[in-house]
Amino acid sequence: MRLFPKVVYLSLTTFLWEEVKHTEFFQRFLDEVAEEGDLSRYHSPNYRALFYEELQQTMYALLSDPSTAPQAKAAVTYNMIVALVTLYLTGCP
């Protein structure tokens, strides 16, 4: 087993912690503010293509091939495309 430098472990730990906080926030928002349940009617065709198709295909590909190329594609799809597009669409500076 290859050991990574501490900075890599710290970065991954920080990343995971932030993702958990995002999940908790959005679940709380959905429970307390968007009580109507299914919000899919607000999803545009581009949103659906990105979240329902590309993101799911990219992540599920890791189940059958966890090599570095699919990991890189998954990381880019999620971190660079999904996260940035979401920030852009929600108007974050």
C-alpha atoms as a PDB file:
ATOM      1  CA  MET A   1       0.000   0.000   0.000  1.00  0.00           C
ATOM      2  CA  ARG A   2       1.385   3.344  -1.020  1.00  0.00           C
ATOM      3  CA  LEU A   3       1.423   5.969   1.691  1.00  0.00           C
ATOM      4  CA  PHE A   4       0.466   9.503   0.820  1.00  0.00           C
ATOM      5  CA  PRO A   5       1.980  12.597   2.397  1.00  0.00           C
ATOM      6  CA  LYS A   6       0.087  14.046   5.344  1.00  0.00           C
ATOM      7  CA  VAL A   7      -0.998  17.007   3.234  1.00  0.00           C
ATOM      8  CA  VAL A   8      -2.947  14.675   0.928  1.00  0.00           C
ATOM      9  CA  TYR A   9      -4.707  13.035   3.878  1.00  0.00           C
ATOM     10  CA  LEU A  10      -5.497  16.443   5.350  1.00  0.00           C
ATOM     11  CA  SER A  11      -6.834  17.688   2.021  1.00  0.00           C
ATOM     12  CA  LEU A  12      -9.044  14.640   1.574  1.00  0.00           C
ATOM     13  CA  THR A  13     -10.271  14.862   5.148  1.00  0.00           C
ATOM     14  CA  THR A  14     -11.127  18.538   4.706  1.00  0.00           C
ATOM     15  CA  PHE A  15     -12.861  17.834   1.394  1.00  0.00           C
ATOM     16  CA  LEU A  16     -14.987  15.060   2.907  1.00  0.00           C
ATOM     17  CA  TRP A  17     -15.887  17.205   5.921  1.00  0.00           C
ATOM     18  CA  GLU A  18     -17.018  20.035   3.630  1.00  0.00           C
ATOM     19  CA  GLU A  19     -19.103  17.669   1.511  1.00  0.00           C
ATOM     20  CA  VAL A  20     -20.812  16.320   4.627  1.00  0.00           C
ATOM     21  CA  LYS A  21     -21.596  19.872   5.735  1.00  0.00           C
ATOM     22  CA  HIS A  22     -23.094  20.625   2.296  1.00  0.00           C
ATOM     23  CA  THR A  23     -25.221  17.490   2.498  1.00  0.00           C
ATOM     24  CA  GLU A  24     -26.435  18.385   5.985  1.00  0.00           C
ATOM     25  CA  PHE A  25     -27.251  21.952   4.924  1.00  0.00           C
ATOM     26  CA  PHE A  26     -29.200  20.953   1.836  1.00  0.00           C
ATOM     27  CA  GLN A  27     -31.076  18.216   3.667  1.00  0.00           C
ATOM     28  CA  ARG A  28     -32.042  20.703   6.373  1.00  0.00           C
ATOM     29  CA  PHE A  29     -33.082  23.231   3.718  1.00  0.00           C
ATOM     30  CA  LEU A  30     -35.240  20.639   1.980  1.00  0.00           C
ATOM     31  CA  ASP A  31     -36.799  19.530   5.283  1.00  0.00           C
ATOM     32  CA  GLU A  32     -37.480  22.982   6.712  1.00  0.00           C
ATOM     33  CA  VAL A  33     -37.878  25.356   3.781  1.00  0.00           C
ATOM     34  CA  ALA A  34     -38.780  23.373   0.697  1.00  0.00           C
ATOM     35  CA  GLU A  35     -41.385  21.246   2.423  1.00  0.00           C
ATOM     36  CA  GLU A  36     -43.214  20.508  -0.805  1.00  0.00           C
ATOM     37  CA  GLY A  37     -41.054  17.446  -1.454  1.00  0.00           C
ATOM     38  CA  ASP A  38     -40.307  16.807  -5.113  1.00  0.00           C
ATOM     39  CA  LEU A  39     -38.477  19.782  -6.589  1.00  0.00           C
ATOM     40  CA  SER A  40     -37.637  18.122  -9.902  1.00  0.00           C
ATOM     41  CA  ARG A  41     -40.000  20.423 -11.777  1.00  0.00           C
ATOM     42  CA  TYR A  42     -37.405  23.169 -11.259  1.00  0.00           C
ATOM     43  CA  HIS A  43     -34.669  21.153 -12.985  1.00  0.00           C
ATOM     44  CA  SER A  44     -33.891  22.446 -16.467  1.00  0.00           C
ATOM     45  CA  PRO A  45     -32.949  20.081 -19.310  1.00  0.00           C
ATOM     46  CA  ASN A  46     -29.278  21.056 -18.866  1.00  0.00           C
ATOM     47  CA  TYR A  47     -29.460  20.385 -15.141  1.00  0.00           C
ATOM     48  CA  ARG A  48     -31.033  16.990 -15.790  1.00  0.00           C
ATOM     49  CA  ALA A  49     -28.373  16.068 -18.351  1.00  0.00           C
ATOM     50  CA  LEU A  50     -25.586  17.001 -15.960  1.00  0.00           C
ATOM     51  CA  PHE A  51     -26.936  15.568 -12.702  1.00  0.00           C
ATOM     52  CA  TYR A  52     -29.157  12.713 -13.872  1.00  0.00           C
ATOM     53  CA  GLU A  53     -26.923  11.431 -16.664  1.00  0.00           C
ATOM     54  CA  GLU A  54     -23.300  12.582 -16.775  1.00  0.00           C
ATOM     55  CA  LEU A  55     -22.624  12.671 -13.039  1.00  0.00           C
ATOM     56  CA  GLN A  56     -24.311   9.327 -12.381  1.00  0.00           C
ATOM     57  CA  GLN A  57     -22.575   7.599 -15.318  1.00  0.00           C
ATOM     58  CA  THR A  58     -19.204   8.958 -14.258  1.00  0.00           C
ATOM     59  CA  MET A  59     -19.598   7.907 -10.627  1.00  0.00           C
ATOM     60  CA  TYR A  60     -21.064   4.466 -11.395  1.00  0.00           C
ATOM     61  CA  ALA A  61     -18.145   3.820 -13.764  1.00  0.00           C
ATOM     62  CA  LEU A  62     -15.907   3.772 -10.690  1.00  0.00           C
ATOM     63  CA  LEU A  63     -17.667   0.636  -9.448  1.00  0.00           C
ATOM     64  CA  SER A  64     -16.387  -1.410 -12.371  1.00  0.00           C
ATOM     65  CA  ASP A  65     -13.095   0.403 -12.957  1.00  0.00           C
ATOM     66  CA  PRO A  66     -11.520   2.212  -9.987  1.00  0.00           C
ATOM     67  CA  SER A  67      -8.285   2.979 -11.882  1.00  0.00           C
ATOM     68  CA  THR A  68      -6.848   6.477 -12.026  1.00  0.00           C
ATOM     69  CA  ALA A  69      -8.440   7.528 -15.340  1.00  0.00           C
ATOM     70  CA  PRO A  70     -12.060   7.044 -14.166  1.00  0.00           C
ATOM     71  CA  GLN A  71     -11.131   8.604 -10.811  1.00  0.00           C
ATOM     72  CA  ALA A  72      -9.775  11.664 -12.610  1.00  0.00           C
ATOM     73  CA  LYS A  73     -12.901  11.897 -14.787  1.00  0.00           C
ATOM     74  CA  ALA A  74     -15.130  11.597 -11.719  1.00  0.00           C
ATOM     75  CA  ALA A  75     -13.148  14.254  -9.858  1.00  0.00           C
ATOM     76  CA  VAL A  76     -13.271  16.657 -12.793  1.00  0.00           C
ATOM     77  CA  THR A  77     -16.956  15.996 -13.440  1.00  0.00           C
ATOM     78  CA  TYR A  78     -17.914  16.605  -9.832  1.00  0.00           C
ATOM     79  CA  ASN A  79     -15.435  19.193  -8.598  1.00  0.00           C
ATOM     80  CA  MET A  80     -14.852  21.246 -11.714  1.00  0.00           C
ATOM     81  CA  ILE A  81     -18.126  20.932 -13.592  1.00  0.00           C
ATOM     82  CA  VAL A  82     -20.946  20.163 -11.156  1.00  0.00           C
ATOM     83  CA  ALA A  83     -19.692  22.351  -8.317  1.00  0.00           C
ATOM     84  CA  LEU A  84     -18.773  25.309 -10.518  1.00  0.00           C
ATOM     85  CA  VAL A  85     -21.915  25.098 -12.644  1.00  0.00           C
ATOM     86  CA  THR A  86     -24.026  24.924  -9.501  1.00  0.00           C
ATOM     87  CA  LEU A  87     -22.294  27.993  -8.100  1.00  0.00           C
ATOM     88  CA  TYR A  88     -22.751  29.817 -11.380  1.00  0.00           C
ATOM     89  CA  LEU A  89     -26.426  28.895 -11.706  1.00  0.00           C
ATOM     90  CA  THR A  90     -27.173  29.969  -8.142  1.00  0.00           C
ATOM     91  CA  GLY A  91     -25.455  33.318  -8.632  1.00  0.00           C
ATOM     92  CA  CYS A  92     -22.581  32.846  -6.222  1.00  0.00           C
ATOM     93  CA  PRO A  93     -19.728  35.265  -6.931  1.00  0.00           C
END
